[in-house]
Protein backbone atom coordinates (compact mmCIF):
# COMPACT_ATOMS: atom_id res chain seq x y z
CA MET A 1 32.19 1.49 -81.76
CA LYS A 2 35.64 0.11 -80.99
CA LYS A 3 35.64 1.84 -77.58
CA ILE A 4 32.32 0.23 -76.69
CA ASN A 5 33.58 -3.25 -77.58
CA ILE A 6 36.68 -2.74 -75.43
CA LEU A 7 34.55 -1.66 -72.43
CA LEU A 8 32.26 -4.67 -72.86
CA ALA A 9 35.26 -6.97 -72.99
CA VAL A 10 36.76 -5.49 -69.84
CA GLY A 11 33.39 -5.82 -68.09
CA MET A 12 33.11 -9.48 -69.08
CA MET A 13 36.62 -10.18 -67.78
CA LEU A 14 35.83 -8.58 -64.41
CA SER A 15 32.63 -10.56 -64.23
CA VAL A 16 34.44 -13.80 -64.93
CA LEU A 17 37.12 -12.99 -62.36
CA SER A 18 34.55 -12.22 -59.67
CA CYS A 19 32.75 -15.50 -60.27
CA LYS A 20 35.94 -17.40 -59.62
CA LYS A 21 36.18 -15.98 -56.03
CA THR A 22 35.00 -18.57 -53.47
CA GLU A 23 33.13 -17.66 -50.19
CA ASN A 24 31.65 -19.61 -47.27
CA LEU A 25 28.00 -18.62 -47.55
CA ASP A 26 26.98 -20.75 -44.53
CA ARG A 27 28.76 -18.61 -41.94
CA GLU A 28 26.71 -16.53 -39.43
CA ILE A 29 26.02 -12.97 -40.51
CA VAL A 30 27.25 -10.58 -37.81
CA GLY A 31 24.53 -8.47 -36.22
CA LEU A 32 21.53 -10.65 -37.07
CA GLY A 33 22.02 -13.34 -34.46
CA GLY A 34 21.80 -11.06 -31.40
CA ASP A 35 24.51 -10.17 -28.87
CA LYS A 36 25.54 -12.80 -26.35
CA TRP A 37 27.28 -12.52 -23.00
CA PRO A 38 28.57 -15.13 -20.60
CA PRO A 39 26.17 -15.37 -17.63
CA SER A 40 27.02 -12.95 -14.83
CA ASP A 41 26.34 -13.42 -11.12
CA LEU A 42 23.19 -11.32 -11.63
CA ASP A 43 22.06 -13.53 -14.51
CA ASN A 44 22.62 -16.65 -12.43
CA TRP A 45 20.64 -15.17 -9.51
CA LEU A 46 17.75 -14.14 -11.74
CA THR A 47 17.66 -17.57 -13.35
CA SER A 48 17.80 -19.53 -10.09
CA THR A 49 15.24 -17.26 -8.42
CA PHE A 50 12.62 -16.85 -11.14
CA SER A 51 12.98 -19.85 -13.46
CA PRO A 52 11.16 -22.09 -10.95
CA TYR A 53 8.12 -19.86 -11.58
CA ASN A 54 8.54 -20.12 -15.37
CA MET A 55 9.60 -16.48 -15.56
CA ASP A 56 12.35 -14.80 -17.58
CA ILE A 57 13.75 -11.44 -16.43
CA LYS A 58 15.06 -9.29 -19.26
CA TYR A 59 17.12 -6.21 -18.36
CA ARG A 60 19.63 -5.90 -21.21
CA TRP A 61 18.52 -3.31 -23.72
CA ASP A 62 16.38 -4.45 -26.63
CA GLY A 63 14.50 -1.67 -28.38
CA SER A 64 12.19 -4.15 -30.11
CA ASP A 65 10.49 -4.75 -26.74
CA LEU A 66 9.38 -1.13 -26.44
CA ASP A 67 7.35 1.58 -28.11
CA VAL A 68 9.73 3.08 -30.67
CA SER A 69 7.85 6.40 -30.54
CA LYS A 70 8.96 6.92 -26.90
CA THR A 71 12.36 7.98 -25.62
CA MET A 72 13.55 5.57 -22.93
CA ILE A 73 16.86 4.43 -21.49
CA PRO A 74 18.27 1.09 -20.25
CA PRO A 75 18.19 0.16 -16.55
CA ASN A 76 21.26 0.54 -14.40
CA VAL A 77 22.50 -2.96 -13.63
CA ASP A 78 22.92 -2.23 -9.93
CA ARG A 79 19.17 -1.51 -9.61
CA VAL A 80 18.01 -4.76 -11.17
CA LYS A 81 18.54 -7.14 -8.25
CA PRO A 82 17.03 -4.84 -5.56
CA THR A 83 14.00 -4.32 -7.81
CA MET A 84 13.44 -8.01 -8.40
CA GLU A 85 14.11 -8.89 -4.75
CA THR A 86 11.23 -6.57 -3.90
CA VAL A 87 9.05 -8.09 -6.62
CA LYS A 88 9.63 -11.55 -5.18
CA LEU A 89 9.14 -10.51 -1.55
CA GLY A 90 6.07 -8.33 -2.10
CA TRP A 91 4.29 -10.30 -4.81
CA ILE A 92 5.50 -13.86 -5.45
CA ASP A 93 6.14 -14.77 -1.81
CA VAL A 94 2.83 -13.41 -0.51
CA TYR A 95 0.80 -15.25 -3.14
CA THR A 96 2.87 -18.41 -2.65
CA ALA A 97 2.23 -18.30 1.10
CA GLU A 98 -1.52 -17.94 0.64
CA ALA A 99 -2.20 -19.85 -2.60
CA GLY A 100 0.82 -22.12 -3.16
CA GLU A 101 3.61 -22.18 -5.75
CA ALA A 102 1.37 -23.79 -8.37
CA PHE A 103 -0.79 -20.65 -8.40
CA ILE A 104 2.11 -18.37 -9.33
CA LYS A 105 3.48 -20.89 -11.83
CA GLN A 106 0.10 -21.01 -13.54
CA PHE A 107 -0.81 -17.33 -13.64
CA ALA A 108 2.47 -15.37 -13.49
CA PRO A 109 3.54 -13.56 -16.67
CA ARG A 110 6.30 -15.38 -18.49
CA GLN A 111 8.59 -12.39 -18.86
CA TYR A 112 9.51 -9.20 -17.03
CA VAL A 113 11.18 -6.44 -19.04
CA LEU A 114 12.97 -3.72 -17.04
CA VAL A 115 13.38 -0.16 -18.35
CA GLY A 116 15.48 2.53 -16.69
CA SER A 117 13.24 5.53 -17.33
CA LEU A 118 9.57 6.39 -17.12
CA LYS A 119 7.28 6.12 -20.11
CA TYR A 120 5.80 9.56 -20.71
CA ASN A 121 2.33 9.97 -22.20
CA GLY A 122 1.75 13.70 -22.44
CA THR A 123 0.41 14.69 -19.01
CA THR A 124 0.71 11.19 -17.50
CA VAL A 125 3.45 8.60 -17.02
CA THR A 126 3.36 4.81 -17.15
CA LEU A 127 5.04 2.86 -14.34
CA GLY A 128 4.25 -0.55 -15.78
CA GLU A 129 2.10 -2.41 -18.25
CA ALA A 130 1.12 -5.97 -19.12
CA GLU A 131 0.66 -7.49 -22.56
CA GLY A 132 -1.84 -10.31 -22.82
CA GLY A 133 -0.80 -11.80 -19.51
CA ASN A 134 2.55 -12.92 -20.92
CA LYS A 135 4.84 -9.94 -20.45
CA VAL A 136 5.07 -7.18 -17.85
CA THR A 137 7.23 -4.11 -18.45
CA LEU A 138 8.43 -2.13 -15.43
CA TYR A 139 9.66 1.43 -15.97
CA ASN A 140 11.67 3.88 -13.85
CA ILE A 141 14.06 1.20 -12.56
CA ASN A 142 16.95 3.65 -12.30
CA ASN A 143 15.19 5.49 -9.46
CA PHE A 144 14.40 2.35 -7.46
CA ASP A 145 15.37 2.16 -3.80
CA LYS A 146 14.08 -0.88 -1.91
CA THR A 147 14.40 0.94 1.45
CA ASN A 148 12.15 3.83 0.41
CA ALA A 149 8.44 3.06 0.81
CA THR A 150 7.40 5.98 -1.39
CA ILE A 151 9.25 4.26 -4.26
CA VAL A 152 8.56 0.62 -3.37
CA LYS A 153 4.78 1.00 -3.00
CA PRO A 154 4.15 2.37 -6.53
CA VAL A 155 6.25 -0.43 -8.05
CA LEU A 156 4.41 -3.17 -6.15
CA LYS A 157 1.10 -1.43 -6.75
CA THR A 158 1.81 -1.57 -10.50
CA ILE A 159 2.69 -5.28 -10.31
CA HIS A 160 -0.40 -6.17 -8.30
CA HIS A 161 -2.54 -4.06 -10.63
CA GLU A 162 -1.26 -5.82 -13.75
CA PHE A 163 -1.45 -9.24 -12.11
CA THR A 164 -5.10 -8.55 -11.28
CA HIS A 165 -5.75 -8.05 -15.00
CA ILE A 166 -4.17 -11.45 -15.64
CA LEU A 167 -6.41 -13.08 -13.03
CA ASN A 168 -9.44 -11.33 -14.52
CA GLN A 169 -8.63 -12.87 -17.90
CA THR A 170 -9.10 -16.28 -16.29
CA VAL A 171 -12.06 -15.42 -14.04
CA ASN A 172 -13.69 -12.04 -14.60
CA PHE A 173 -15.03 -9.95 -11.74
CA SER A 174 -18.78 -9.99 -11.10
CA LYS A 175 -21.25 -8.32 -13.45
CA GLU A 176 -22.54 -6.29 -10.51
CA TYR A 177 -19.18 -4.56 -9.94
CA PRO A 178 -19.48 -1.95 -12.76
CA LEU A 179 -22.98 -1.11 -11.51
CA ILE A 180 -21.74 0.20 -8.16
CA THR A 181 -20.63 3.54 -9.67
CA PRO A 182 -21.76 3.26 -13.32
CA GLY A 183 -21.85 6.98 -14.05
CA GLY A 184 -18.34 7.72 -12.82
CA TYR A 185 -16.24 6.08 -15.54
CA THR A 186 -14.60 8.49 -17.95
CA SER A 187 -11.81 8.59 -20.53
CA ASP A 188 -10.93 12.00 -19.09
CA TRP A 189 -9.82 10.50 -15.76
CA ASN A 190 -6.37 12.11 -15.98
CA ASN A 191 -7.93 15.57 -15.71
CA THR A 192 -9.55 14.92 -12.34
CA THR A 193 -8.12 15.04 -8.81
CA MET A 194 -7.80 12.38 -6.14
CA ALA A 195 -10.35 14.23 -3.99
CA SER A 196 -12.86 14.33 -6.83
CA ALA A 197 -12.32 10.67 -7.68
CA ASN A 198 -12.74 9.67 -4.05
CA ALA A 199 -15.91 11.74 -3.76
CA ALA A 200 -17.32 9.87 -6.78
CA GLY A 201 -16.64 6.51 -5.11
CA PHE A 202 -13.28 5.62 -6.68
CA ILE A 203 -10.12 4.74 -4.79
CA THR A 204 -7.84 6.60 -7.29
CA GLU A 205 -8.19 8.83 -10.34
CA TYR A 206 -7.16 6.02 -12.70
CA ALA A 207 -9.91 3.80 -11.28
CA GLN A 208 -12.36 5.97 -13.23
CA ALA A 209 -10.86 4.90 -16.57
CA ALA A 210 -12.94 1.68 -16.84
CA PRO A 211 -14.47 -1.03 -14.63
CA GLY A 212 -11.47 -3.31 -15.17
CA GLU A 213 -9.06 -0.57 -14.12
CA ASP A 214 -11.30 0.24 -11.16
CA PHE A 215 -11.17 -3.36 -9.95
CA ALA A 216 -7.39 -3.62 -10.43
CA GLU A 217 -6.86 -0.31 -8.61
CA MET A 218 -8.97 -1.51 -5.67
CA VAL A 219 -6.93 -4.71 -5.40
CA SER A 220 -3.53 -3.01 -5.73
CA VAL A 221 -4.32 -0.19 -3.29
CA MET A 222 -5.79 -2.51 -0.68
CA LEU A 223 -2.74 -4.79 -0.87
CA THR A 224 0.03 -2.19 -0.86
CA GLU A 225 -1.55 0.16 1.69
CA GLY A 226 -2.39 -2.57 4.19
CA LYS A 227 -5.50 -2.71 6.34
CA ALA A 228 -4.83 0.27 8.62
CA SER A 229 -3.65 2.68 5.93
CA TYR A 230 -6.36 1.62 3.50
CA ASN A 231 -9.08 2.09 6.13
CA ALA A 232 -7.69 5.50 7.02
CA LYS A 233 -7.68 6.46 3.34
CA VAL A 234 -11.37 5.57 3.01
CA ASP A 235 -12.32 7.14 6.35
CA ASN A 236 -10.61 10.37 5.32
CA ILE A 237 -12.97 10.84 2.36
CA VAL A 238 -14.98 13.79 3.61
CA GLU A 239 -17.43 16.32 2.29
CA VAL A 240 -16.17 19.80 1.58
CA LYS A 241 -18.65 21.45 3.90
CA LEU A 242 -18.09 21.50 7.66
CA ASP A 243 -20.50 20.15 10.22
CA SER A 244 -20.83 22.04 13.53
CA ILE A 245 -21.38 20.03 16.70
CA PRO A 246 -21.46 20.83 20.44
CA ASP A 247 -18.12 20.52 22.21
CA PRO A 248 -18.69 18.13 25.16
CA LEU A 249 -15.32 18.96 26.65
CA ASN A 250 -15.85 22.71 26.70
CA PRO A 251 -19.59 23.54 26.73
CA PRO A 252 -21.36 25.52 25.48
CA PHE A 253 -18.85 26.17 22.71
CA ILE A 254 -19.32 24.77 19.20
CA ILE A 255 -16.57 23.11 17.19
CA ALA A 256 -16.47 22.52 13.43
CA ARG A 257 -15.50 19.17 12.02
CA GLU A 258 -15.14 17.61 8.60
CA LYS A 259 -18.18 15.54 7.74
CA PRO A 260 -17.50 12.02 6.39
CA ASN A 261 -18.74 11.51 2.83
CA ALA A 262 -20.91 8.52 3.73
CA THR A 263 -22.11 7.91 0.17
CA ALA A 264 -18.61 7.79 -1.35
CA GLN A 265 -17.31 5.66 1.50
CA ALA A 266 -20.20 3.20 1.05
CA PHE A 267 -19.44 2.85 -2.68
CA ILE A 268 -15.79 2.03 -2.00
CA ARG A 269 -16.65 -0.34 0.86
CA LYS A 270 -19.01 -2.20 -1.50
CA LYS A 271 -16.20 -2.53 -4.05
CA GLU A 272 -13.90 -3.72 -1.26
CA ALA A 273 -16.37 -6.46 -0.31
CA ASN A 274 -16.63 -7.44 -3.98
CA VAL A 275 -12.85 -7.84 -4.20
CA ILE A 276 -12.71 -10.03 -1.09
CA THR A 277 -15.52 -12.24 -2.42
CA TYR A 278 -13.88 -12.53 -5.86
CA PHE A 279 -10.58 -13.85 -4.48
CA LYS A 280 -12.32 -16.29 -2.15
CA GLN A 281 -14.79 -17.70 -4.67
CA SER A 282 -12.51 -17.65 -7.71
CA PHE A 283 -9.21 -18.83 -6.24
CA GLY A 284 -9.85 -19.82 -2.61
CA ILE A 285 -7.65 -16.95 -1.37
CA GLU A 286 -8.39 -15.18 1.91
CA PHE A 287 -7.78 -11.63 0.71
CA PRO A 288 -7.35 -10.03 4.18
CA ARG A 289 -4.45 -12.39 4.87
CA LEU A 290 -2.94 -11.59 1.47
CA GLN A 291 -3.31 -7.93 2.36
CA ASN A 292 -1.60 -8.34 5.73
CA ARG A 293 1.30 -10.29 4.21
CA THR A 294 1.86 -7.75 1.43
CA ASN A 295 1.90 -4.84 3.84
CA TYR A 296 4.31 -6.68 6.15
CA ALA A 297 6.59 -7.55 3.22
CA ILE A 298 6.86 -3.87 2.30
CA ALA A 299 7.62 -2.91 5.91
CA GLN A 300 10.47 -5.43 6.14
CA ASN A 301 12.77 -3.44 3.85
CA ALA A 302 11.00 -0.07 3.64
CA PRO A 303 9.56 0.74 7.06
CA VAL A 304 7.78 4.06 7.54
CA ALA A 305 7.97 5.74 10.95
CA LEU A 306 4.48 5.73 12.47
CA SER A 307 5.38 8.72 14.63
CA GLY A 308 5.17 10.91 11.54
CA LEU A 309 1.77 9.54 10.50
CA PHE A 310 -0.06 9.67 13.85
CA GLY A 311 -1.32 13.08 14.92
CA ASN A 312 -3.73 15.93 14.32
CA ARG A 313 -4.84 15.98 10.66
CA ARG A 314 -2.34 13.25 9.81
CA GLN A 315 -2.98 9.88 8.18
CA PHE A 316 -3.95 8.29 11.51
CA THR A 317 -5.82 10.32 14.11
CA SER A 318 -6.91 7.58 16.52
CA LEU A 319 -5.75 4.47 18.36
CA THR A 320 -8.41 2.09 19.77
CA VAL A 321 -7.28 -0.25 22.54
CA ASP A 322 -9.18 -3.31 23.80
CA PRO A 323 -7.08 -5.14 26.43
CA VAL A 324 -9.62 -8.01 26.57
CA THR A 325 -9.59 -9.01 22.87
CA MET A 326 -6.02 -7.97 21.99
CA PRO A 327 -3.52 -10.37 23.60
CA GLY A 328 0.09 -9.33 23.99
CA MET A 329 -0.14 -6.12 26.05
CA SER A 330 2.81 -5.60 28.38
CA SER A 331 2.47 -6.79 31.97
CA ALA A 332 3.10 -3.24 33.17
CA PHE A 333 0.13 -1.93 31.21
CA LEU A 334 -2.13 -4.88 32.13
CA SER A 335 -1.35 -4.29 35.79
CA THR A 336 -2.40 -0.66 35.31
CA TRP A 337 -5.59 -1.68 33.48
CA ASN A 338 -6.55 -4.23 36.13
CA THR A 339 -6.02 -1.66 38.87
CA ALA A 340 -8.28 0.74 36.95
CA LYS A 341 -10.92 -2.00 36.63
CA THR A 342 -10.85 -2.55 40.37
CA GLY A 343 -11.14 1.19 40.99
CA MET A 344 -14.06 1.51 38.56
CA ALA A 345 -15.85 -1.49 40.10
CA ALA A 346 -15.65 0.20 43.48
CA ILE A 347 -17.87 3.01 42.17
CA GLY A 348 -20.19 0.72 40.20
CA TYR A 349 -18.75 0.79 36.66
CA ILE A 350 -16.90 -1.53 34.26
CA PRO A 351 -14.25 -0.20 31.80
CA LYS A 352 -14.35 -1.98 28.43
CA SER A 353 -11.99 -0.28 26.00
CA PHE A 354 -10.63 3.15 25.14
CA THR A 355 -9.65 5.28 22.19
CA LEU A 356 -6.98 7.94 22.03
CA PHE A 357 -7.75 10.45 19.29
CA PHE A 358 -6.62 13.88 18.26
CA TYR A 359 -9.14 16.58 18.95
CA PRO A 360 -10.13 19.14 16.29
CA ARG A 361 -8.42 21.71 18.51
CA ALA A 362 -4.76 21.50 17.48
CA GLY A 363 -2.32 20.11 19.99
CA GLU A 364 -4.83 18.09 22.02
CA LEU A 365 -5.37 14.36 22.45
CA VAL A 366 -8.53 12.89 23.97
CA LEU A 367 -8.92 9.71 25.99
CA ARG A 368 -12.41 8.37 25.25
CA LEU A 369 -13.31 5.57 27.68
CA ASN A 370 -16.05 3.10 26.77
CA PHE A 371 -17.62 1.80 30.00
CA SER A 372 -20.89 0.48 31.40
CA ASN A 373 -22.76 0.28 34.67
CA ALA A 374 -23.72 -2.94 36.43
CA ALA A 375 -26.98 -3.09 34.43
CA GLY A 376 -25.09 -3.10 31.14
CA THR A 377 -25.87 0.45 30.01
CA ASN A 378 -22.98 1.87 27.97
CA TYR A 379 -21.44 5.30 28.45
CA LEU A 380 -18.57 7.40 27.09
CA ALA A 381 -16.26 9.62 29.08
CA HIS A 382 -13.71 12.09 27.70
CA PHE A 383 -10.42 13.35 29.16
CA ALA A 384 -8.47 15.97 27.18
CA TYR A 385 -4.66 16.28 27.24
CA LYS A 386 -2.20 18.74 25.79
CA VAL A 387 0.33 17.04 23.51
CA ALA A 388 4.00 17.98 23.39
CA TYR A 389 6.62 16.37 21.11
CA ASP A 390 10.37 16.07 21.45
CA ALA A 391 12.84 15.97 18.54
CA SER A 392 12.12 12.25 17.97
CA ARG A 393 8.34 12.83 18.02
CA ASN A 394 7.96 11.06 21.34
CA LEU A 395 4.82 12.50 22.88
CA THR A 396 4.06 13.69 26.40
CA LEU A 397 0.50 14.20 27.67
CA THR A 398 -0.56 16.86 30.16
CA TYR A 399 -4.09 16.84 31.59
CA VAL A 400 -6.30 19.79 30.52
CA ARG A 401 -9.98 19.05 31.23
CA ARG A 402 -12.74 16.42 31.17
CA ASP A 403 -16.48 16.13 30.57
CA GLY A 404 -19.30 15.32 33.02
CA ASN A 405 -19.08 11.51 32.69
CA ALA A 406 -15.33 11.71 33.21
CA ASN A 407 -15.90 13.67 36.42
CA VAL A 408 -17.99 10.77 37.72
CA ILE A 409 -15.49 7.98 36.97
CA ALA A 410 -12.21 9.88 37.42
CA PRO A 411 -11.63 8.62 41.00
CA GLY A 412 -11.79 5.02 39.82
CA LEU A 413 -9.63 5.56 36.73
CA VAL A 414 -6.62 7.16 38.43
CA ALA A 415 -4.27 4.25 37.58
CA LEU A 416 -4.85 4.64 33.83
CA THR A 417 -4.83 8.45 33.71
CA ASN A 418 -1.62 8.55 35.77
CA TYR A 419 -0.03 5.98 33.45
CA LEU A 420 -0.77 8.18 30.44
CA THR A 421 0.63 11.35 32.00
CA THR A 422 3.80 9.87 33.52
CA GLY A 423 6.80 10.17 31.19
CA SER A 424 6.73 10.19 27.40
CA PHE A 425 5.69 7.62 24.79
CA GLY A 426 7.23 6.49 21.54
CA VAL A 427 4.83 5.54 18.74
CA SER A 428 5.67 2.55 16.55
CA TRP A 429 4.20 -0.25 14.44
CA ARG A 430 3.44 -3.68 15.83
CA TYR A 431 2.77 -6.91 13.87
CA ASP A 432 1.32 -10.11 15.30
CA SER A 433 1.81 -13.70 14.14
CA ASN A 434 -0.91 -13.24 11.50
CA PHE A 435 0.85 -10.14 10.13
CA LEU A 436 -1.92 -7.91 11.50
CA GLU A 437 -0.75 -4.33 11.93
CA PHE A 438 -1.27 -2.20 15.04
CA GLY A 439 -0.03 1.06 16.48
CA GLN A 440 1.94 0.74 19.71
CA MET A 441 2.75 3.31 22.40
CA THR A 442 5.80 2.49 24.52
CA LYS A 443 7.21 4.25 27.56
CA THR A 444 10.50 5.84 26.48
CA THR A 445 12.00 4.99 29.89
CA ASP A 446 10.86 1.34 29.80
CA PRO A 447 10.63 -0.66 26.55
CA ASN A 448 8.74 -3.38 28.45
CA SER A 449 5.85 -1.04 29.26
CA PHE A 450 3.51 -0.60 26.29
CA PHE A 451 0.00 -0.97 24.91
CA PHE A 452 -1.28 -1.16 21.34
CA GLY A 453 -4.45 -0.90 19.28
CA ASN A 454 -6.11 -0.42 15.92
CA LEU A 455 -5.15 2.73 14.03
CA GLY A 456 -7.93 4.79 12.50
CA ALA A 457 -9.09 8.16 11.30
CA ILE A 458 -11.93 9.06 13.65
CA LYS A 459 -13.93 12.14 12.71
CA TYR A 460 -15.01 13.58 16.05
């Protein structure tokens, strides 16, 4: 009993002593107030660039912003500015140019969060996501390169996709949109292929997830691909079976060609028209101009060589030239065209336009001339050329053969056919004052001798 009393006494003394110790309980508790850094040059740039649009860019690591069940890493600081420069150029600036600053200030998300790695979801990955129109998270920042179009396009596509969702929260797309391909939506979209999705009337696999995703995918693909590439993508949706047709350049042989999937193409074209109408009626935005500007913005820092995209079974298989309606042709080419017009008139015909397209037979390019007689009856003539490339993919054309109509008009068309077979041509992009995109062919020996036209994917 005595021992217990002693222990109690000692305990009471310690308690009394501890109560006499004084502490400042108003001081800040370390670790609960958040870390703070003096603003860096990057911070100052982000603030001055994005604060006018009521946007905050967050790149310093904060796990509370992210899904704690996922393994992700912070962004490398040196990738932050190039990423956000691209975001401004390819999203903010194009909308500002077409809809004004007030539009972006009103609808832009209030915060961007940047993450260094991808967000993995089993068999799929997430490049970006939006939360209630207030926050957008961009992943995979550590692999960003603003000069590489294969990296830039997916980032801008993600931003335009998520921004479309924000716009749809203000004004939803039409009730008719989901009825264009009602039976194609599925939660199992990630187990399909691009070819299957396209054949069902969807621009991407993810577009099959839901009508809202379908609409956002249409908008983002149309914007980031640009008019020419988007049209080629749709035109290249073909049926698996082959369609045999007579070969007019080598009768009576038969050639096999891929048959366009007219039904799938019509579905996507209907969705395209719906998108254009939505932007015009809901926000007064001319979507084709927005599309041209976005595509041009991407090309400014991340150009893609057209020479690698134009050819047999490539993205672009044709170039259609109309010297009458397309101002800006070189004087050297116009002189050639006018000489050809005079020569054609001498034998009773009028040249209107022409298309250069790659023939199903590998290594051949065809000149298809659209012309008429004095009575206004239209005809087509075909001249085939063998194509040879040098190390820079400059192409040289060598005459091979022609069809019956070409035999008739050949004497009057000598100026044009000689122009095409003299020297080699470089293939490059051309943009006009409205940011419209064309393909241009330029004499390698004379940069002032060129013609240009609309790129396409003709199925012969």
